[in-house]
Amino acid sequence: MSKETTLHFFCGKMAAGKSTLAGKLSTQHNAVLLCEDNWLSKLYPEEIKDIAGYIKYSSRLQEILSEHILSLLSQNVSVVLDFPGNTVNQRIWFRDIFEKAKVAHVLHFLDVSDSICKRQLKIRSKNMPEGTAFTSEAEFDAITEYFQPPLETEAFNIVKYEIK
């Protein structure tokens, strides 16, 4: 296990297994785990009903947490950010953090097929109340339209997990 201070973050479609991996990595690297879903559900429980609402409140959360994350990294505490880096624009936030903090980074890319994601989404959503946002196949398809796998030109340190 490396003692180098590192920012870990993720790219992968909805229900690809990002949160499960994030939990394992935080334990493995003795890192602080920050989960977007947990924060959003506590801070904005009634506000997120669609993709536009998610984008609005996710952006607010990033603004709130950026300085906190930088503070942790500056104290040599590794951080696992269970926030999606599923578009080039989303990944800019992560780059800004690790470059300002001058720490190592790893982009964990979960390259998982749509069929596996949809199967996992059904399992994950089984016990959620009816009407819970982002639990249907239609929502999966709508969100996946925005998905952009990381490009070589983005120059991230990538660990790829391929599940087809």
Protein backbone atom coordinates (compact mmCIF):
# COMPACT_ATOMS: atom_id res chain seq x y z
CA MET A 1 0.00 0.00 0.00
CA SER A 2 1.42 3.33 -1.10
CA LYS A 3 1.67 6.18 1.39
CA GLU A 4 1.64 8.77 -1.40
CA THR A 5 -1.22 11.23 -1.00
CA THR A 6 -3.64 10.50 -3.84
CA LEU A 7 -6.96 11.73 -5.17
CA HIS A 8 -9.02 8.79 -6.46
CA PHE A 9 -12.01 9.46 -8.71
CA PHE A 10 -14.24 7.57 -11.12
CA CYS A 11 -15.66 7.30 -14.60
CA GLY A 12 -18.37 4.75 -15.34
CA LYS A 13 -21.99 4.54 -16.33
CA MET A 14 -24.79 4.54 -13.78
CA ALA A 15 -24.79 1.26 -11.78
CA ALA A 16 -21.37 0.23 -13.10
CA GLY A 17 -20.09 -0.34 -9.55
CA LYS A 18 -18.34 2.96 -8.83
CA SER A 19 -19.64 3.28 -5.25
CA THR A 20 -18.76 -0.31 -4.39
CA LEU A 21 -15.23 0.20 -5.71
CA ALA A 22 -14.96 3.56 -3.93
CA GLY A 23 -15.69 1.92 -0.58
CA LYS A 24 -13.06 -0.76 -1.18
CA LEU A 25 -10.45 1.78 -2.25
CA SER A 26 -11.04 4.03 0.75
CA THR A 27 -10.39 1.09 3.06
CA GLN A 28 -7.45 -0.20 1.04
CA HIS A 29 -5.73 3.20 0.94
CA ASN A 30 -6.87 4.45 4.35
CA ALA A 31 -8.45 7.39 2.56
CA VAL A 32 -11.38 9.67 3.31
CA LEU A 33 -14.42 8.68 1.26
CA LEU A 34 -16.78 11.40 0.05
CA CYS A 35 -19.94 10.15 -1.71
CA GLU A 36 -21.90 12.56 -3.86
CA ASP A 37 -25.15 10.59 -3.55
CA ASN A 38 -25.03 10.76 0.26
CA TRP A 39 -24.39 14.50 0.32
CA LEU A 40 -27.02 15.30 -2.31
CA SER A 41 -29.69 13.18 -0.62
CA LYS A 42 -29.10 14.93 2.72
CA LEU A 43 -28.66 18.50 1.46
CA TYR A 44 -31.24 18.52 -1.34
CA PRO A 45 -33.70 15.67 -0.62
CA GLU A 46 -36.64 17.16 -2.51
CA GLU A 47 -34.90 19.22 -5.17
CA ILE A 48 -33.41 16.61 -7.52
CA LYS A 49 -36.13 15.27 -9.78
CA ASP A 50 -34.40 15.27 -13.18
CA ILE A 51 -31.03 15.62 -14.88
CA ALA A 52 -31.15 19.44 -14.82
CA GLY A 53 -31.77 19.38 -11.07
CA TYR A 54 -28.93 16.95 -10.56
CA ILE A 55 -26.53 19.17 -12.52
CA LYS A 56 -27.58 22.27 -10.58
CA TYR A 57 -27.16 20.75 -7.11
CA SER A 58 -24.12 18.66 -7.97
CA SER A 59 -22.36 21.85 -9.09
CA ARG A 60 -23.26 23.53 -5.80
CA LEU A 61 -21.91 20.57 -3.86
CA GLN A 62 -18.64 20.67 -5.78
CA GLU A 63 -18.27 24.36 -4.90
CA ILE A 64 -18.91 23.57 -1.23
CA LEU A 65 -16.49 20.66 -1.05
CA SER A 66 -13.58 21.83 -3.20
CA GLU A 67 -11.78 23.73 -0.43
CA HIS A 68 -12.43 20.93 2.06
CA ILE A 69 -10.94 18.34 -0.30
CA LEU A 70 -7.93 20.57 -0.93
CA SER A 71 -7.48 20.94 2.81
CA LEU A 72 -7.52 17.17 3.35
CA LEU A 73 -5.03 16.59 0.55
CA SER A 74 -2.74 19.34 1.89
CA GLN A 75 -2.69 17.47 5.21
CA ASN A 76 -1.45 14.35 3.36
CA VAL A 77 -4.83 12.63 3.60
CA SER A 78 -5.75 10.68 0.49
CA VAL A 79 -9.30 11.17 -0.75
CA VAL A 80 -11.67 8.90 -2.67
CA LEU A 81 -14.30 10.99 -4.44
CA ASP A 82 -17.35 8.91 -5.30
CA PHE A 83 -18.51 11.55 -7.75
CA PRO A 84 -18.97 10.82 -11.45
CA GLY A 85 -16.31 11.88 -13.90
CA ASN A 86 -18.42 10.79 -16.84
CA THR A 87 -17.90 13.79 -19.09
CA VAL A 88 -14.88 15.83 -20.04
CA ASN A 89 -16.37 18.80 -18.15
CA GLN A 90 -16.93 16.76 -14.98
CA ARG A 91 -13.32 15.58 -15.07
CA ILE A 92 -12.05 19.17 -15.18
CA TRP A 93 -13.12 19.55 -11.52
CA PHE A 94 -10.98 16.60 -10.45
CA ARG A 95 -7.98 17.87 -12.41
CA ASP A 96 -8.33 21.30 -10.82
CA ILE A 97 -8.22 19.72 -7.36
CA PHE A 98 -5.23 17.42 -7.78
CA GLU A 99 -3.24 20.05 -9.67
CA LYS A 100 -3.89 22.71 -7.00
CA ALA A 101 -3.04 20.22 -4.25
CA LYS A 102 0.02 18.94 -6.15
CA VAL A 103 -0.83 15.31 -5.33
CA ALA A 104 -1.01 12.07 -7.26
CA HIS A 105 -4.28 11.01 -8.86
CA VAL A 106 -5.95 7.90 -10.21
CA LEU A 107 -8.99 7.87 -12.47
CA HIS A 108 -10.72 4.53 -11.98
CA PHE A 109 -12.53 3.81 -15.25
CA LEU A 110 -15.25 1.15 -14.99
CA ASP A 111 -15.89 0.08 -18.57
CA VAL A 112 -19.06 -1.93 -18.02
CA SER A 113 -21.60 -2.93 -20.66
CA ASP A 114 -25.06 -1.36 -20.70
CA SER A 115 -26.69 -4.76 -20.10
CA ILE A 116 -24.68 -5.38 -16.92
CA CYS A 117 -25.34 -1.83 -15.69
CA LYS A 118 -29.07 -2.20 -16.30
CA ARG A 119 -29.12 -5.54 -14.47
CA GLN A 120 -27.28 -3.99 -11.51
CA LEU A 121 -29.58 -0.96 -11.61
CA LYS A 122 -32.63 -3.23 -11.22
CA ILE A 123 -31.05 -4.93 -8.21
CA ARG A 124 -29.98 -1.61 -6.66
CA SER A 125 -33.40 -0.02 -7.22
CA LYS A 126 -35.46 -2.98 -6.00
CA ASN A 127 -35.93 -1.71 -2.44
CA MET A 128 -36.15 1.99 -3.25
CA PRO A 129 -39.49 3.80 -3.01
CA GLU A 130 -41.45 4.12 -6.23
CA GLY A 131 -40.68 7.37 -8.00
CA THR A 132 -37.10 7.55 -6.73
CA ALA A 133 -35.04 9.44 -9.29
CA PHE A 134 -32.55 7.67 -11.54
CA THR A 135 -33.73 4.10 -11.04
CA SER A 136 -35.36 3.22 -14.37
CA GLU A 137 -33.88 1.91 -17.60
CA ALA A 138 -35.26 4.97 -19.40
CA GLU A 139 -33.35 7.24 -17.00
CA PHE A 140 -30.25 5.08 -17.47
CA ASP A 141 -30.53 5.52 -21.25
CA ALA A 142 -31.06 9.28 -20.94
CA ILE A 143 -28.07 9.75 -18.65
CA THR A 144 -25.85 7.40 -20.68
CA GLU A 145 -26.30 9.66 -23.71
CA TYR A 146 -23.98 12.13 -21.95
CA PHE A 147 -21.32 9.52 -21.09
CA GLN A 148 -17.82 10.23 -22.44
CA PRO A 149 -15.08 7.71 -21.66
CA PRO A 150 -11.74 9.26 -20.75
CA LEU A 151 -9.54 10.20 -23.67
CA GLU A 152 -5.81 9.67 -23.91
CA THR A 153 -5.45 13.39 -24.58
CA GLU A 154 -6.83 14.13 -21.09
CA ALA A 155 -3.61 12.59 -19.71
CA PHE A 156 -5.02 11.00 -16.55
CA ASN A 157 -3.44 8.13 -14.64
CA ILE A 158 -6.13 5.57 -15.45
CA VAL A 159 -6.83 2.17 -13.96
CA LYS A 160 -9.37 0.43 -16.19
CA TYR A 161 -11.82 -2.24 -15.02
CA GLU A 162 -13.47 -3.89 -18.02
CA ILE A 163 -16.65 -5.92 -17.52
CA LYS A 164 -18.57 -6.87 -20.63
